[in-house]
Protein backbone atom coordinates (compact mmCIF):
# COMPACT_ATOMS: atom_id res chain seq x y z
CA MET A 1 -0.78 15.03 22.30
CA ARG A 2 2.41 14.50 18.96
CA SER A 3 5.85 13.69 20.06
CA THR A 4 9.04 14.18 18.20
CA LEU A 5 10.29 10.55 17.39
CA LYS A 6 13.37 9.98 16.43
CA THR A 7 13.53 6.92 14.05
CA LEU A 8 16.04 4.70 11.94
CA PRO A 9 15.84 4.98 8.14
CA SER A 10 12.94 3.16 6.73
CA THR A 11 15.14 0.76 4.63
CA ASN A 12 16.70 -0.39 8.23
CA LEU A 13 12.75 -0.74 8.92
CA LEU A 14 11.37 -2.54 5.90
CA GLU A 15 14.27 -5.04 6.18
CA ASP A 16 12.43 -6.19 9.41
CA LEU A 17 9.42 -7.19 7.05
CA PRO A 18 10.74 -10.57 5.89
CA LEU A 19 8.19 -11.97 2.93
CA GLY A 20 8.60 -15.92 2.92
CA SER A 21 6.58 -15.94 -1.03
CA THR A 22 4.90 -13.42 -2.65
CA PRO A 23 0.90 -13.13 -1.45
CA ASP A 24 -1.58 -13.98 -4.27
CA SER A 25 -4.54 -11.89 -5.53
CA ILE A 26 -7.12 -13.34 -1.88
CA GLN A 27 -3.78 -12.54 0.17
CA LEU A 28 -3.57 -9.54 -0.86
CA ASP A 29 -7.22 -8.39 -0.34
CA ASN A 30 -7.00 -9.41 2.94
CA ILE A 31 -4.16 -7.53 3.79
CA LYS A 32 -5.45 -4.76 2.01
CA THR A 33 -8.39 -5.28 4.20
CA GLN A 34 -6.51 -5.23 7.38
CA LEU A 35 -4.22 -2.22 7.10
CA ASP A 36 -7.29 0.25 6.20
CA LEU A 37 -8.92 -0.72 9.43
CA VAL A 38 -6.12 -0.30 11.30
CA LEU A 39 -5.63 3.03 9.88
CA LEU A 40 -9.69 3.35 10.31
CA GLY A 41 -8.96 2.86 14.21
CA LEU A 42 -6.21 4.84 14.34
CA GLU A 43 -8.55 7.70 12.60
CA ALA A 44 -10.81 7.19 14.90
CA LEU A 45 -8.91 7.65 18.23
CA ALA A 46 -6.50 10.28 17.11
CA GLY A 47 -8.46 12.05 14.62
CA ILE A 48 -5.35 11.74 12.54
CA GLY A 49 -5.83 12.43 8.82
CA SER A 50 -4.28 11.84 5.47
CA GLU A 51 -1.80 15.12 6.44
CA GLU A 52 -0.52 13.08 9.08
CA MET A 53 -0.01 9.87 7.52
CA LEU A 54 1.83 12.01 4.47
CA GLN A 55 3.95 13.93 7.26
CA ALA A 56 4.68 10.24 8.56
CA ALA A 57 5.49 8.83 4.79
CA THR A 58 7.78 11.92 3.91
CA ASP A 59 9.57 11.43 7.58
CA LEU A 60 10.09 7.90 7.42
CA LYS A 61 11.37 8.39 3.37
CA LEU A 62 8.19 6.43 1.93
CA GLU A 63 7.54 9.46 -0.49
CA SER A 64 7.95 7.14 -3.25
CA MET A 65 5.03 4.80 -2.15
CA VAL A 66 2.81 7.89 -0.43
CA SER A 67 3.98 10.42 -2.31
CA ASP A 68 0.35 12.66 -2.30
CA ARG A 69 -2.92 12.55 -1.24
CA VAL A 70 -4.34 10.84 -4.28
CA GLY A 71 -1.97 8.27 -3.94
CA LEU A 72 -2.86 8.00 -0.60
CA TRP A 73 -6.55 8.20 -1.11
CA ARG A 74 -5.87 5.34 -4.04
CA LEU A 75 -4.00 2.78 -1.49
CA ARG A 76 -6.91 3.01 0.85
CA GLN A 77 -9.15 2.35 -2.07
CA SER A 78 -7.76 -0.69 -2.83
CA ASN A 79 -9.69 -2.34 0.38
CA PRO A 80 -12.07 -4.66 -1.28
CA MET A 81 -14.39 -3.85 1.18
CA ARG A 82 -14.80 -0.13 0.56
CA LYS A 83 -17.19 1.94 -1.62
CA SER A 84 -15.46 2.47 -5.21
CA SER A 85 -16.39 4.12 -7.84
CA GLY A 86 -14.35 2.10 -10.00
CA GLY A 87 -10.75 2.01 -10.48
CA ARG A 88 -9.18 0.35 -7.63
CA LYS A 89 -5.83 0.71 -7.45
CA LYS A 90 -3.89 -2.77 -6.67
CA LEU A 91 -1.47 -3.13 -3.92
CA ASP A 92 2.00 -3.95 -3.85
CA VAL A 93 3.73 -5.72 -1.35
CA GLU A 94 6.27 -2.52 -0.79
CA GLU A 95 2.96 -0.27 -0.41
CA ALA A 96 1.77 -2.89 2.09
CA ARG A 97 5.05 -2.88 3.91
CA SER A 98 5.45 0.89 3.25
CA LEU A 99 1.61 1.45 4.87
CA VAL A 100 2.42 -1.32 7.98
CA LEU A 101 5.93 1.56 8.86
CA ILE A 102 3.53 4.46 8.26
CA ILE A 103 0.60 3.13 10.47
CA CYS A 104 3.16 1.83 13.11
CA TYR A 105 4.73 5.50 13.35
CA LEU A 106 1.44 6.93 13.69
CA ALA A 107 0.36 4.44 16.63
CA LYS A 108 3.99 5.36 18.29
CA GLN A 109 3.37 9.19 18.21
CA HIS A 110 0.21 8.54 20.11
CA GLN A 111 0.64 5.80 22.14
CA GLU A 112 -0.42 8.15 25.01
CA LEU A 113 -3.63 7.81 23.90
CA ILE A 114 -4.04 4.63 22.53
CA ARG A 115 -2.70 3.49 26.13
CA ARG A 116 -4.69 5.52 28.02
CA ALA A 117 -7.78 4.10 25.93
CA VAL A 118 -7.16 0.95 26.87
CA THR A 119 -6.62 1.29 30.57
CA LEU A 120 -10.30 2.56 30.35
CA LEU A 121 -11.23 0.06 28.82
CA GLU A 122 -9.95 -2.75 30.95
CA GLN A 123 -11.06 -0.30 33.58
CA MET A 124 -14.97 -0.64 32.39
CA ALA A 125 -14.04 -4.38 31.99
CA GLU A 126 -13.88 -4.60 35.48
CA GLN A 127 -16.62 -2.92 36.30
CA ASN A 128 -18.85 -4.71 34.21
CA SER A 129 -19.86 -1.49 32.33
CA PRO A 130 -20.49 -0.40 28.65
CA PRO A 131 -16.87 0.62 27.14
CA HIS A 132 -19.04 3.54 25.47
CA ARG A 133 -20.08 5.23 29.10
CA ALA A 134 -16.21 6.30 29.23
CA ALA A 135 -16.06 9.84 26.76
CA LEU A 136 -12.82 8.51 25.33
CA LEU A 137 -13.87 5.28 24.39
CA GLY A 138 -17.71 5.96 23.29
CA ASP A 139 -16.65 9.11 21.11
CA TYR A 140 -14.12 6.13 19.76
CA LEU A 141 -16.37 3.66 18.78
CA ASP A 142 -19.23 6.14 17.51
CA LYS A 143 -16.35 7.43 14.89
CA PHE A 144 -15.35 4.18 14.24
CA SER A 145 -18.52 3.26 13.55
CA ASN A 146 -19.84 5.97 11.56
CA THR A 147 -16.84 6.18 9.83
CA TYR A 148 -16.97 2.44 9.09
CA GLN A 149 -20.89 2.51 8.00
CA ASP A 150 -19.99 5.71 5.24
CA ARG A 151 -16.53 3.92 3.58
CA MET A 152 -17.46 0.21 3.81
CA GLU A 153 -19.95 -1.50 1.07
CA GLU A 154 -21.67 -3.78 3.83
CA GLY A 155 -21.40 -0.66 6.93
CA GLU A 156 -24.74 -0.35 6.95
CA ASN A 157 -25.34 -4.14 7.24
CA VAL A 158 -22.98 -4.52 10.19
CA SER A 159 -24.31 -5.29 13.78
CA PRO A 160 -23.62 -1.96 16.48
CA ASN A 161 -22.58 -4.67 18.35
CA LEU A 162 -19.85 -6.26 15.95
CA LEU A 163 -18.64 -2.81 15.09
CA ASN A 164 -18.04 -2.15 18.56
CA GLN A 165 -16.39 -5.24 18.82
CA LEU A 166 -14.43 -4.85 15.84
CA ALA A 167 -13.27 -1.25 17.27
CA LEU A 168 -11.90 -2.48 20.77
CA LYS A 169 -10.07 -5.50 18.76
CA LEU A 170 -8.53 -2.57 17.27
CA LEU A 171 -7.78 -0.49 19.97
CA ILE A 172 -6.32 -3.55 21.56
CA ASP A 173 -3.91 -4.15 18.13
CA LEU A 174 -3.20 -0.55 18.21
CA LEU A 175 -1.36 -0.72 21.56
CA PHE A 176 0.72 -3.23 19.81
CA TYR A 177 1.73 -1.63 17.04
CA SER A 178 3.07 0.95 18.90
CA SER A 179 5.42 -0.62 20.76
CA PRO A 180 9.22 -0.81 19.21
CA ASN A 181 8.60 -3.62 17.38
CA GLY A 182 5.32 -2.53 16.16
CA HIS A 183 5.79 -2.80 12.73
CA ARG A 184 7.09 -6.07 12.70
CA ARG A 185 4.14 -7.57 14.99
CA LEU A 186 2.14 -5.97 12.51
CA TRP A 187 3.28 -7.56 9.28
CA LEU A 188 3.92 -10.96 11.22
CA ALA A 189 -0.14 -10.27 11.88
CA LEU A 190 -1.09 -9.71 8.44
CA LEU A 191 0.97 -12.58 6.87
CA GLY A 192 -0.13 -14.50 9.86
CA LYS A 193 -3.81 -14.00 8.04
CA LEU A 194 -2.48 -15.60 4.76
CA SER A 195 -2.70 -19.25 6.17
């Protein structure tokens, strides 16, 4: 269920995403990878696609950064782990900040679903039962694994257990990113990966 959210203008939100120093190319690659993985988790859980991502960009007044499907695809393709036919776009810091805002905006819209999934995960852990036995989690894990294997260069070489661990970690991360200061949490997590 999609909720209507009132948001601050994106310029105010962008001010919440400070940058001490400009990341080098390896650091930007890490940021690109993490942003794409978080989006993949959101896609797998909530079934969002490019239309929802583009609408979020419009709602946040970020059309200059993410204007159409091709631009969005090129931003996603900037992840160095992705299978690519070449012509990879370089992601700049402003595009990364814009993607952070879009991800967190979408996570807030699907916060109820994210909470339900995390609650199920906790219940399954308490019962010593595998997560995939809960329908919502099983569907999420399947979609995540299938999409990851389809899109990522090394996808077919990653064990199902590692993919499940990654998917569940991203699910828990999404809960934090759906909070009121989620955009700041995600940004600081990305910058923390720089050190």
